Amino acid sequence: MSNYTSCFPPAEYHHILAPKRMHWLGIPLCTEHHRGRTGIHLGKETFRKKYLHELDMYALLIKISKEKGFYKKQLTDLIEEFNIKNKKGIKIK
């Protein structure tokens, strides 16, 4: 994997399954790695060989988020919002 010190915010959202436009399945990429000259949209196979496959990046994002405690908090917030809107009692561990 390369050194990402040249990456700067803001991040752009890359849809992993673009034809379906599933907004829940995506990864943040800097502008250069999203649509720049080394970006995924200029050659997915080249990008995947140099860095990672998008699904592997997504899995890594989930893993790091869980380790930092972000994933459960966001998931908890989403379930709470769903419960309020739909008067349901879904719980997570």
Protein backbone atom coordinates (compact mmCIF):
# COMPACT_ATOMS: atom_id res chain seq x y z
CA MET A 1 0.00 0.00 0.00
CA SER A 2 1.25 3.47 -0.75
CA ASN A 3 1.85 6.36 1.59
CA TYR A 4 -1.32 8.48 1.89
CA THR A 5 0.35 11.61 3.25
CA SER A 6 -0.45 13.43 0.00
CA CYS A 7 -4.21 12.91 0.51
CA PHE A 8 -6.17 15.86 1.80
CA PRO A 9 -9.81 16.37 2.76
CA PRO A 10 -12.49 16.75 1.77
CA ALA A 11 -13.19 13.16 0.88
CA GLU A 12 -15.45 12.22 -2.00
CA TYR A 13 -17.93 9.36 -1.76
CA HIS A 14 -17.18 6.48 -4.14
CA HIS A 15 -20.11 4.15 -4.82
CA ILE A 16 -18.77 0.61 -4.94
CA LEU A 17 -21.67 -0.74 -6.99
CA ALA A 18 -22.16 2.36 -9.12
CA PRO A 19 -24.77 1.00 -11.55
CA LYS A 20 -27.06 0.23 -8.61
CA ARG A 21 -26.22 3.49 -6.79
CA MET A 22 -26.47 1.87 -3.38
CA HIS A 23 -25.62 4.83 -1.18
CA TRP A 24 -24.90 2.67 1.87
CA LEU A 25 -22.14 0.80 0.04
CA GLY A 26 -19.29 3.20 -0.57
CA ILE A 27 -15.94 4.47 0.61
CA PRO A 28 -14.39 7.89 1.13
CA LEU A 29 -11.57 8.73 -1.27
CA CYS A 30 -9.60 11.93 -1.71
CA THR A 31 -10.22 13.76 -4.99
CA GLU A 32 -6.98 12.46 -6.52
CA HIS A 33 -7.75 8.80 -5.73
CA HIS A 34 -11.39 9.16 -6.72
CA ARG A 35 -11.29 11.02 -10.04
CA GLY A 36 -7.75 12.34 -10.41
CA ARG A 37 -5.02 10.99 -12.69
CA THR A 38 -4.41 8.08 -10.27
CA GLY A 39 -8.12 7.76 -9.47
CA ILE A 40 -10.32 4.73 -9.52
CA HIS A 41 -12.59 6.14 -12.24
CA LEU A 42 -9.70 6.26 -14.71
CA GLY A 43 -8.97 2.55 -14.35
CA LYS A 44 -10.45 0.27 -11.74
CA GLU A 45 -8.14 -2.68 -12.44
CA THR A 46 -5.02 -0.51 -12.24
CA PHE A 47 -6.29 1.11 -9.05
CA ARG A 48 -7.11 -2.28 -7.52
CA LYS A 49 -3.65 -3.66 -8.32
CA LYS A 50 -1.89 -0.59 -6.89
CA TYR A 51 -4.04 -0.19 -3.75
CA LEU A 52 -6.94 -2.48 -2.81
CA HIS A 53 -10.26 -3.63 -4.19
CA GLU A 54 -13.10 -1.32 -3.11
CA LEU A 55 -14.80 -4.10 -1.14
CA ASP A 56 -11.56 -4.70 0.78
CA MET A 57 -11.40 -0.96 1.51
CA TYR A 58 -15.02 -1.08 2.69
CA ALA A 59 -14.23 -4.01 5.00
CA LEU A 60 -11.21 -2.14 6.37
CA LEU A 61 -13.36 0.95 6.94
CA ILE A 62 -15.90 -1.11 8.92
CA LYS A 63 -13.11 -2.81 10.93
CA ILE A 64 -11.47 0.50 11.87
CA SER A 65 -14.84 2.07 12.63
CA LYS A 66 -15.73 -0.79 14.97
CA GLU A 67 -12.35 -0.59 16.71
CA LYS A 68 -12.77 3.16 17.25
CA GLY A 69 -16.38 2.75 18.38
CA PHE A 70 -17.82 4.79 15.50
CA TYR A 71 -19.67 1.98 13.78
CA LYS A 72 -21.77 0.90 16.74
CA LYS A 73 -22.62 4.50 17.64
CA GLN A 74 -23.74 5.32 14.10
CA LEU A 75 -25.65 2.07 13.83
CA THR A 76 -27.27 2.73 17.21
CA ASP A 77 -28.27 6.22 16.07
CA LEU A 78 -29.78 4.86 12.85
CA ILE A 79 -31.77 2.20 14.71
CA GLU A 80 -32.97 4.78 17.23
CA GLU A 81 -34.10 7.06 14.40
CA PHE A 82 -35.84 4.11 12.71
CA ASN A 83 -37.55 3.15 15.98
CA ILE A 84 -38.83 6.70 16.52
CA LYS A 85 -40.18 7.00 12.96
CA ASN A 86 -41.71 3.53 12.85
CA LYS A 87 -42.55 2.96 16.52
CA LYS A 88 -40.49 -0.26 16.53
CA GLY A 89 -38.40 -1.77 19.29
CA ILE A 90 -35.30 -3.00 17.50
CA LYS A 91 -32.30 -3.45 19.81
CA ILE A 92 -28.63 -4.11 19.17
CA LYS A 93 -26.08 -5.67 21.50
